[in-house]
Amino acid sequence: MSFVVVVGNNKEKKMASCVVTVTDTFGGEANYGWVKRYEFTPRNPKSQRSVIRQAKALANMTAVKADTYDYGDGYTVKPRGYNQIIFVDFE
């Protein structure tokens, strides 16, 4: 896990990068028949909504409703009506 620490006025700010993995599913589970990977720095890393919106934009699914699951070290996004899954991992 890599962080950039900016120190100023006795305040620390940590900026994490996110790795987005988009792949197909088979039977509801990740199949990895094809994989697309992206990396970005979240605008607001403390906001789940902000991180998921940026990840969905990279996967070209901005207007798609999805179920999001938080596993602590990352998110899993399952778009409704698609045989695809999005993993968002923090580095």
Protein backbone atom coordinates (compact mmCIF):
# COMPACT_ATOMS: atom_id res chain seq x y z
CA MET A 1 0.00 0.00 0.00
CA SER A 2 1.58 3.28 -1.07
CA PHE A 3 0.67 6.70 0.27
CA VAL A 4 1.85 10.20 -0.42
CA VAL A 5 2.08 12.12 2.83
CA VAL A 6 1.92 15.91 2.68
CA VAL A 7 2.93 17.59 5.93
CA GLY A 8 2.09 21.22 6.56
CA ASN A 9 0.74 23.11 9.55
CA ASN A 10 0.98 19.91 11.62
CA LYS A 11 -1.66 18.21 9.44
CA GLU A 12 -1.11 15.04 7.44
CA LYS A 13 -3.05 14.20 4.33
CA LYS A 14 -2.87 10.74 2.79
CA MET A 15 -3.60 10.28 -0.90
CA ALA A 16 -4.23 6.68 -1.94
CA SER A 17 -4.45 5.44 -5.49
CA CYS A 18 -7.14 3.04 -6.63
CA VAL A 19 -6.84 0.15 -9.05
CA VAL A 20 -10.03 -0.70 -10.94
CA THR A 21 -10.43 -4.17 -12.44
CA VAL A 22 -13.36 -4.82 -14.78
CA THR A 23 -14.03 -8.38 -15.89
CA ASP A 24 -16.82 -10.68 -17.05
CA THR A 25 -18.81 -13.06 -14.89
CA PHE A 26 -20.02 -16.61 -15.27
CA GLY A 27 -22.69 -17.82 -12.90
CA GLY A 28 -22.39 -14.59 -10.91
CA GLU A 29 -18.68 -15.07 -10.14
CA ALA A 30 -15.68 -13.35 -11.72
CA ASN A 31 -14.56 -15.31 -14.79
CA TYR A 32 -11.50 -13.31 -15.99
CA GLY A 33 -12.17 -14.30 -19.62
CA TRP A 34 -11.16 -10.73 -20.38
CA VAL A 35 -9.85 -8.06 -18.01
CA LYS A 36 -9.51 -4.26 -18.19
CA ARG A 37 -7.49 -2.45 -15.53
CA TYR A 38 -7.37 1.25 -14.71
CA GLU A 39 -5.68 3.31 -12.02
CA PHE A 40 -6.72 6.67 -10.59
CA THR A 41 -6.32 8.93 -7.56
CA PRO A 42 -9.70 9.59 -5.95
CA ARG A 43 -10.82 13.19 -5.60
CA ASN A 44 -12.32 12.44 -2.19
CA PRO A 45 -10.89 9.13 -0.88
CA LYS A 46 -13.07 9.19 2.25
CA SER A 47 -16.31 9.19 0.25
CA GLN A 48 -17.41 5.78 -1.01
CA ARG A 49 -19.82 7.43 -3.43
CA SER A 50 -17.08 9.55 -5.00
CA VAL A 51 -14.71 6.60 -5.45
CA ILE A 52 -17.43 4.39 -6.97
CA ARG A 53 -18.54 7.15 -9.35
CA GLN A 54 -14.99 7.56 -10.66
CA ALA A 55 -14.53 3.78 -11.00
CA LYS A 56 -17.82 3.40 -12.89
CA ALA A 57 -16.86 6.28 -15.19
CA LEU A 58 -13.62 4.48 -16.10
CA ALA A 59 -15.63 1.32 -16.82
CA ASN A 60 -18.13 3.28 -18.99
CA MET A 61 -21.03 2.47 -16.65
CA THR A 62 -21.96 5.90 -15.31
CA ALA A 63 -25.73 5.54 -15.70
CA VAL A 64 -25.93 1.88 -14.69
CA LYS A 65 -27.49 0.95 -11.36
CA ALA A 66 -25.27 -1.35 -9.34
CA ASP A 67 -24.93 -3.06 -5.98
CA THR A 68 -21.80 -2.06 -4.06
CA TYR A 69 -20.11 -4.14 -1.37
CA ASP A 70 -17.47 -2.73 0.98
CA TYR A 71 -14.80 -5.21 2.10
CA GLY A 72 -12.59 -2.77 4.00
CA ASP A 73 -9.61 -2.79 1.66
CA GLY A 74 -11.70 -2.28 -1.47
CA TYR A 75 -15.11 -2.31 -3.08
CA THR A 76 -16.92 -4.75 -5.33
CA VAL A 77 -19.46 -3.28 -7.74
CA LYS A 78 -21.98 -5.57 -9.44
CA PRO A 79 -23.83 -3.68 -12.21
CA ARG A 80 -27.45 -4.79 -12.58
CA GLY A 81 -28.27 -6.42 -15.92
CA TYR A 82 -24.63 -6.83 -16.95
CA ASN A 83 -22.48 -9.95 -16.87
CA GLN A 84 -19.59 -7.92 -15.55
CA ILE A 85 -18.06 -7.08 -12.18
CA ILE A 86 -15.89 -4.18 -11.02
CA PHE A 87 -13.27 -4.49 -8.29
CA VAL A 88 -11.87 -1.30 -6.73
CA ASP A 89 -8.73 -1.91 -4.65
CA PHE A 90 -6.72 0.69 -2.72
CA GLU A 91 -2.95 0.82 -2.98
